[in-house]
Amino acid sequence: MRRTSVLLAVMMLAGRAYAGGGESPDDIAKRNAQARFDEGITLAAKGSYEEARIKFVQAYAVFKTPIVLFNLAMAEKKSNHLPEAATHFRQVAADARSTAEAKDKAKTAVDELSRQTGRIAISAPAGADVTVDGALVGKAPLGDSIDVMPGTHAVVATLNGKHLDKSVSVTIGTEEKCELVDPNAQQVGNGNGVIDHPPPPQTTTTSFWSPGRFIGLSMIGAGVVAGGFVIGFGLGASDAASHASQLRQQIGDVSACTGTLDARCAELSNASAAKRSNETGAIAFGVISGALIVGGAAVMLFSPGTTRRAGVRVQPTLGGVMIEGRFQ
């Protein structure tokens, strides 16, 4: 207890030397921050580390110095906020402004805390807000792994209203990787899970014409052509019937044609045969025409249109940029 209080008091004196550089427009805020720092020192000396931690947090909001941060980390360690303490001790050890003594003590504390905590290395889309168990830990890409207590943690990355989440289980002294990657995004780079280029915006257009509908239209066209043959055969049958009727009027008694070589009787027989042949042709092509038209209409009705996607992607290359996509 006494050893910790002495260490904090030393840090307090150095903090005053740093903060007492003269008046400034935010002098009131600095004096208030110094007061919170002093209160934190007093509370820590009494063993009230949780209350001291809150005071140091308030002081650090103004004085971003390794001295204040060291005291905050010490209070966090004593009040059982171990992941936060480990993170802040790491920052003190890496800060060029820290004294050699503070760096050594911070590194020792990190080694001790690593035997009680774990870490998560998080990769997420650049610019995404990253939270662990609901607490914001920064924007991606994160500069360092996140210190956590052993157990399962909920990691969430939020960007442009979209959320990527994953549960990560961590054990003491280990570092687990957590990659939050949008499956619909274009990922480039070194595969660290950071999405440097979002997918190109795509628009979808649907064309009425498709291979199936072209086939249906062709069938309808063939049916119309067959209908033309129906008309031709029908006219032929009508002409033959009219000619046969005229011949019957000229011959009178058709039964007299039996066994005779009268040219009119032979012509009547030919006209009657032509009428029957044209009628048969008209019926046959009529059936074909109807089947083609009805079938073609059904094919066009039930065949879907053609869907096309238009999009442009600009991708950097060694020689400049490459643009790919479909322009509509």
Protein backbone atom coordinates (compact mmCIF):
# COMPACT_ATOMS: atom_id res chain seq x y z
CA MET A 1 0.00 0.00 0.00
CA ARG A 2 2.72 2.49 0.99
CA ARG A 3 4.84 1.59 -2.07
CA THR A 4 1.95 2.31 -4.42
CA SER A 5 1.17 5.65 -2.76
CA VAL A 6 4.76 6.83 -3.08
CA LEU A 7 4.80 5.91 -6.77
CA LEU A 8 1.58 7.81 -7.41
CA ALA A 9 2.83 10.84 -5.52
CA VAL A 10 5.96 10.96 -7.67
CA MET A 11 3.80 10.86 -10.74
CA MET A 12 1.69 13.71 -9.34
CA LEU A 13 4.67 16.04 -8.93
CA ALA A 14 5.83 15.36 -12.48
CA GLY A 15 2.30 15.97 -13.70
CA ARG A 16 2.21 19.39 -12.06
CA ALA A 17 5.54 20.30 -13.61
CA TYR A 18 4.11 19.40 -17.02
CA ALA A 19 0.79 21.17 -16.55
CA GLY A 20 2.06 24.32 -14.88
CA GLY A 21 3.40 25.96 -18.01
CA GLY A 22 1.43 29.19 -17.66
CA GLU A 23 -2.00 30.60 -18.34
CA SER A 24 -3.94 29.71 -21.46
CA PRO A 25 -7.53 30.13 -22.74
CA ASP A 26 -8.45 26.74 -21.28
CA ASP A 27 -6.75 27.46 -17.94
CA ILE A 28 -9.93 26.66 -15.98
CA ALA A 29 -10.19 23.24 -17.59
CA LYS A 30 -6.55 22.54 -16.80
CA ARG A 31 -6.93 23.63 -13.18
CA ASN A 32 -9.99 21.41 -12.85
CA ALA A 33 -8.07 18.51 -14.40
CA GLN A 34 -5.16 19.10 -11.98
CA ALA A 35 -7.66 19.09 -9.11
CA ARG A 36 -9.08 15.76 -10.29
CA PHE A 37 -5.56 14.39 -10.53
CA ASP A 38 -4.79 15.49 -6.97
CA GLU A 39 -8.05 13.95 -5.74
CA GLY A 40 -7.11 10.71 -7.49
CA ILE A 41 -3.76 10.66 -5.72
CA THR A 42 -5.47 11.18 -2.33
CA LEU A 43 -8.05 8.47 -3.00
CA ALA A 44 -5.40 5.99 -4.19
CA ALA A 45 -3.38 6.63 -1.03
CA LYS A 46 -6.45 5.64 0.97
CA GLY A 47 -6.93 2.48 -1.07
CA SER A 48 -10.07 3.79 -2.85
CA TYR A 49 -8.80 2.74 -6.27
CA GLU A 50 -12.16 2.69 -8.08
CA GLU A 51 -12.87 6.30 -7.10
CA ALA A 52 -9.27 7.21 -7.94
CA ARG A 53 -9.67 5.59 -11.36
CA ILE A 54 -12.61 7.86 -12.17
CA LYS A 55 -10.62 10.95 -11.14
CA PHE A 56 -7.68 9.94 -13.33
CA VAL A 57 -10.01 9.35 -16.27
CA GLN A 58 -11.27 12.92 -15.88
CA ALA A 59 -7.74 14.28 -15.60
CA TYR A 60 -6.53 12.33 -18.65
CA ALA A 61 -9.33 13.83 -20.75
CA VAL A 62 -7.37 17.11 -20.52
CA PHE A 63 -3.78 16.06 -19.82
CA LYS A 64 -2.87 13.43 -22.44
CA THR A 65 0.46 12.63 -20.79
CA PRO A 66 2.07 9.28 -20.00
CA ILE A 67 2.31 10.41 -16.33
CA VAL A 68 -1.44 10.72 -15.92
CA LEU A 69 -1.99 7.58 -18.00
CA PHE A 70 0.40 5.60 -15.79
CA ASN A 71 -1.58 6.58 -12.69
CA LEU A 72 -4.82 5.69 -14.45
CA ALA A 73 -3.44 2.26 -15.42
CA MET A 74 -2.26 1.66 -11.85
CA ALA A 75 -5.70 2.53 -10.45
CA GLU A 76 -7.33 0.27 -13.07
CA LYS A 77 -5.10 -2.61 -12.09
CA LYS A 78 -5.86 -2.14 -8.39
CA SER A 79 -9.61 -1.84 -9.03
CA ASN A 80 -9.65 -5.02 -11.15
CA HIS A 81 -10.14 -3.33 -14.54
CA LEU A 82 -7.41 -5.57 -15.88
CA PRO A 83 -7.88 -5.30 -19.69
CA GLU A 84 -8.00 -1.49 -19.52
CA ALA A 85 -4.94 -1.48 -17.29
CA ALA A 86 -3.00 -3.71 -19.69
CA THR A 87 -3.90 -1.47 -22.65
CA HIS A 88 -2.85 1.71 -20.87
CA PHE A 89 0.37 0.21 -19.55
CA ARG A 90 1.23 -0.80 -23.13
CA GLN A 91 0.66 2.79 -24.24
CA VAL A 92 2.91 4.14 -21.49
CA ALA A 93 5.67 1.68 -22.42
CA ALA A 94 5.44 2.72 -26.11
CA ASP A 95 5.27 6.50 -25.46
CA ALA A 96 8.57 8.27 -26.20
CA ARG A 97 7.72 10.87 -23.51
CA SER A 98 7.65 8.27 -20.75
CA THR A 99 10.58 8.14 -18.34
CA ALA A 100 12.77 5.06 -18.27
CA GLU A 101 11.38 4.18 -14.83
CA ALA A 102 7.78 4.49 -16.04
CA LYS A 103 8.52 2.35 -19.10
CA ASP A 104 10.13 -0.39 -17.02
CA LYS A 105 7.30 -0.45 -14.51
CA ALA A 106 4.73 -0.43 -17.33
CA LYS A 107 6.41 -3.38 -19.08
CA THR A 108 6.54 -5.31 -15.83
CA ALA A 109 2.83 -4.63 -15.28
CA VAL A 110 2.01 -5.79 -18.84
CA ASP A 111 3.85 -9.07 -18.26
CA GLU A 112 1.97 -9.60 -15.02
CA LEU A 113 -1.41 -8.76 -16.55
CA SER A 114 -0.81 -11.00 -19.58
CA ARG A 115 -1.00 -13.95 -17.20
CA GLN A 116 -4.55 -12.93 -16.30
CA THR A 117 -5.94 -11.63 -19.61
CA GLY A 118 -6.05 -12.44 -23.32
CA ARG A 119 -6.10 -10.42 -26.53
CA ILE A 120 -8.16 -10.16 -29.73
CA ALA A 121 -6.61 -9.05 -33.04
CA ILE A 122 -9.51 -7.47 -34.94
CA SER A 123 -9.63 -6.85 -38.69
CA ALA A 124 -12.61 -4.90 -40.00
CA PRO A 125 -13.59 -2.63 -42.93
CA ALA A 126 -11.62 0.61 -42.87
CA GLY A 127 -13.52 3.37 -41.07
CA ALA A 128 -15.85 1.01 -39.22
CA ASP A 129 -16.59 1.64 -35.54
CA VAL A 130 -15.46 -1.43 -33.61
CA THR A 131 -16.96 -2.44 -30.28
CA VAL A 132 -16.14 -5.30 -27.93
CA ASP A 133 -18.97 -6.32 -25.62
CA GLY A 134 -20.71 -3.04 -26.48
CA ALA A 135 -17.72 -0.80 -25.60
CA LEU A 136 -16.20 1.25 -28.43
CA VAL A 137 -12.52 0.38 -28.89
CA GLY A 138 -11.81 2.53 -31.96
CA LYS A 139 -12.13 2.82 -35.71
CA ALA A 140 -10.74 0.22 -38.08
CA PRO A 141 -8.00 -0.41 -38.85
CA LEU A 142 -7.07 -0.73 -35.19
CA GLY A 143 -3.46 -0.02 -34.32
CA ASP A 144 -3.12 -2.90 -31.86
CA SER A 145 -4.88 -5.95 -30.48
CA ILE A 146 -7.51 -5.48 -27.77
CA ASP A 147 -6.92 -6.69 -24.22
CA VAL A 148 -9.84 -8.68 -22.78
CA MET A 149 -10.64 -10.98 -19.91
CA PRO A 150 -10.75 -14.73 -20.63
CA GLY A 151 -14.13 -15.84 -21.99
CA THR A 152 -16.40 -15.24 -24.97
CA HIS A 153 -16.70 -11.71 -26.34
CA ALA A 154 -19.03 -10.07 -28.88
CA VAL A 155 -17.11 -8.11 -31.52
CA VAL A 156 -19.11 -5.79 -33.79
CA ALA A 157 -18.01 -3.52 -36.65
CA THR A 158 -20.45 -0.85 -37.85
CA LEU A 159 -20.06 1.06 -41.11
CA ASN A 160 -22.71 3.03 -43.00
CA GLY A 161 -25.48 1.50 -40.91
CA LYS A 162 -24.37 -2.08 -41.62
CA HIS A 163 -23.18 -4.39 -38.85
CA LEU A 164 -20.67 -7.24 -38.97
CA ASP A 165 -20.42 -9.30 -35.79
CA LYS A 166 -18.65 -12.35 -34.44
CA SER A 167 -18.24 -14.11 -31.10
CA VAL A 168 -14.64 -14.78 -30.06
CA SER A 169 -13.52 -17.05 -27.23
CA VAL A 170 -10.23 -16.12 -25.54
CA THR A 171 -8.18 -18.00 -22.96
CA ILE A 172 -5.52 -16.64 -20.57
CA GLY A 173 -2.33 -15.53 -22.30
CA THR A 174 -3.57 -16.13 -25.84
CA GLU A 175 -4.35 -13.84 -28.76
CA GLU A 176 -7.26 -14.76 -31.03
CA LYS A 177 -7.88 -13.36 -34.51
CA CYS A 178 -11.27 -11.91 -35.41
CA GLU A 179 -11.86 -11.00 -39.06
CA LEU A 180 -15.03 -9.06 -39.79
CA VAL A 181 -15.32 -8.98 -43.58
CA ASP A 182 -18.37 -7.99 -45.62
CA PRO A 183 -19.04 -10.99 -47.93
CA ASN A 184 -20.60 -8.66 -50.52
CA ALA A 185 -17.62 -6.31 -50.70
CA GLN A 186 -14.54 -6.33 -52.92
CA GLN A 187 -11.56 -7.23 -50.75
CA VAL A 188 -8.08 -6.32 -52.00
CA GLY A 189 -4.70 -5.90 -50.39
CA ASN A 190 -2.79 -8.28 -48.16
CA GLY A 191 -5.78 -10.26 -46.88
CA ASN A 192 -5.85 -8.64 -43.46
CA GLY A 193 -9.63 -8.40 -43.50
CA VAL A 194 -9.71 -4.66 -44.30
CA ILE A 195 -11.94 -3.85 -47.25
CA ASP A 196 -10.18 -1.16 -49.23
CA HIS A 197 -12.64 -0.95 -52.11
CA PRO A 198 -16.41 -1.42 -51.71
CA PRO A 199 -18.22 -3.30 -54.47
CA PRO A 200 -19.28 -1.14 -57.42
CA PRO A 201 -22.89 0.00 -57.40
CA GLN A 202 -24.96 -2.13 -59.73
CA THR A 203 -28.23 -1.43 -61.45
CA THR A 204 -30.46 -4.19 -62.75
CA THR A 205 -32.41 -3.83 -65.99
CA THR A 206 -34.86 -6.32 -67.45
CA SER A 207 -35.37 -6.55 -71.21
CA PHE A 208 -38.64 -7.84 -72.62
CA TRP A 209 -36.88 -9.87 -75.27
CA SER A 210 -35.19 -13.13 -74.38
CA PRO A 211 -34.22 -16.25 -76.38
CA GLY A 212 -37.48 -17.93 -75.38
CA ARG A 213 -39.57 -14.98 -76.50
CA PHE A 214 -37.71 -14.79 -79.82
CA ILE A 215 -38.59 -18.46 -80.39
CA GLY A 216 -42.23 -17.75 -79.52
CA LEU A 217 -42.31 -14.83 -81.95
CA SER A 218 -40.81 -17.04 -84.68
CA MET A 219 -43.52 -19.65 -84.08
CA ILE A 220 -46.23 -17.00 -84.37
CA GLY A 221 -44.65 -15.76 -87.60
CA ALA A 222 -44.62 -19.29 -89.01
CA GLY A 223 -48.26 -19.65 -87.99
CA VAL A 224 -49.15 -16.48 -89.90
CA VAL A 225 -47.35 -17.84 -92.98
CA ALA A 226 -49.28 -21.09 -92.63
CA GLY A 227 -52.43 -19.01 -92.40
CA GLY A 228 -51.52 -17.54 -95.80
CA PHE A 229 -51.51 -21.06 -97.25
CA VAL A 230 -54.94 -21.63 -95.70
CA ILE A 231 -56.24 -18.62 -97.59
CA GLY A 232 -54.57 -19.79 -100.83
CA PHE A 233 -56.01 -23.30 -100.60
CA GLY A 234 -59.38 -21.87 -99.65
CA LEU A 235 -59.45 -19.66 -102.74
CA GLY A 236 -58.38 -22.63 -104.88
CA ALA A 237 -61.18 -24.77 -103.45
CA SER A 238 -63.67 -21.96 -104.06
CA ASP A 239 -62.59 -21.51 -107.69
CA ALA A 240 -62.73 -25.27 -108.31
CA ALA A 241 -66.21 -25.50 -106.76
CA SER A 242 -67.44 -22.57 -108.90
CA HIS A 243 -66.03 -24.15 -112.07
CA ALA A 244 -67.56 -27.52 -111.22
CA SER A 245 -70.95 -25.86 -110.66
CA GLN A 246 -70.81 -24.20 -114.10
CA LEU A 247 -69.95 -27.51 -115.75
CA ARG A 248 -72.84 -29.29 -114.03
CA GLN A 249 -75.24 -26.64 -115.39
CA GLN A 250 -73.85 -27.17 -118.90
CA ILE A 251 -73.97 -30.98 -118.73
CA GLY A 252 -77.37 -31.13 -117.08
CA ASP A 253 -77.69 -34.80 -116.18
CA VAL A 254 -74.37 -35.65 -114.56
CA SER A 255 -75.20 -39.35 -114.56
CA ALA A 256 -74.83 -39.23 -118.36
CA CYS A 257 -71.07 -38.77 -117.84
CA THR A 258 -70.73 -42.40 -116.80
CA GLY A 259 -68.89 -44.31 -119.53
CA THR A 260 -68.71 -41.31 -121.86
CA LEU A 261 -65.73 -39.50 -123.33
CA ASP A 262 -67.31 -36.06 -123.16
CA ALA A 263 -64.54 -33.51 -122.43
CA ARG A 264 -66.87 -31.55 -120.16
CA CYS A 265 -67.36 -34.64 -118.00
CA ALA A 266 -63.60 -35.09 -117.65
CA GLU A 267 -63.20 -31.41 -116.81
CA LEU A 268 -65.96 -31.72 -114.17
CA SER A 269 -64.13 -34.67 -112.60
CA ASN A 270 -60.89 -32.68 -112.48
CA ALA A 271 -62.61 -29.64 -110.96
CA SER A 272 -64.23 -31.79 -108.26
CA ALA A 273 -60.85 -33.38 -107.45
CA ALA A 274 -59.16 -29.97 -107.28
CA LYS A 275 -61.86 -28.75 -104.91
CA ARG A 276 -61.33 -31.69 -102.56
CA SER A 277 -57.53 -31.34 -102.69
CA ASN A 278 -57.64 -27.61 -101.91
CA GLU A 279 -60.08 -28.16 -99.07
CA THR A 280 -57.77 -30.81 -97.57
CA GLY A 281 -54.80 -28.43 -97.86
CA ALA A 282 -56.73 -25.59 -96.25
CA ILE A 283 -57.75 -27.80 -93.33
CA ALA A 284 -54.20 -29.12 -92.81
CA PHE A 285 -52.54 -25.71 -92.92
CA GLY A 286 -55.32 -24.31 -90.76
CA VAL A 287 -54.47 -26.82 -88.03
CA ILE A 288 -50.73 -26.09 -88.39
CA SER A 289 -51.30 -22.31 -88.33
CA GLY A 290 -53.45 -22.47 -85.21
CA ALA A 291 -50.97 -24.71 -83.38
CA LEU A 292 -48.04 -22.46 -84.21
CA ILE A 293 -49.80 -19.24 -83.22
CA VAL A 294 -51.18 -20.64 -79.95
CA GLY A 295 -47.89 -22.36 -79.08
CA GLY A 296 -45.83 -19.28 -79.90
CA ALA A 297 -48.07 -17.08 -77.78
CA ALA A 298 -47.71 -19.51 -74.86
CA VAL A 299 -43.91 -19.56 -75.21
CA MET A 300 -43.77 -15.75 -75.17
CA LEU A 301 -46.13 -15.56 -72.21
CA PHE A 302 -44.22 -17.98 -70.00
CA SER A 303 -40.66 -17.09 -71.03
CA PRO A 304 -39.02 -14.56 -68.65
CA GLY A 305 -37.26 -11.46 -69.91
CA THR A 306 -33.48 -11.04 -69.83
CA THR A 307 -32.03 -9.48 -66.66
CA ARG A 308 -28.78 -7.54 -66.96
CA ARG A 309 -26.65 -5.91 -64.31
CA ALA A 310 -24.76 -2.73 -65.02
CA GLY A 311 -21.83 -1.73 -62.84
CA VAL A 312 -18.41 -0.18 -63.02
CA ARG A 313 -15.38 -1.14 -60.95
CA VAL A 314 -12.23 0.95 -60.83
CA GLN A 315 -9.24 -1.08 -59.69
CA PRO A 316 -5.69 0.20 -59.20
CA THR A 317 -2.96 -1.56 -61.16
CA LEU A 318 0.79 -1.16 -61.44
CA GLY A 319 0.37 1.03 -64.50
CA GLY A 320 -2.54 3.15 -63.32
CA VAL A 321 -6.16 2.09 -63.04
CA MET A 322 -8.34 -0.51 -64.69
CA ILE A 323 -12.05 0.05 -65.27
CA GLU A 324 -14.27 -2.93 -65.74
CA GLY A 325 -18.00 -3.41 -65.87
CA ARG A 326 -21.09 -3.19 -68.04
CA PHE A 327 -22.34 0.14 -69.31
CA GLN A 328 -26.04 0.38 -70.16
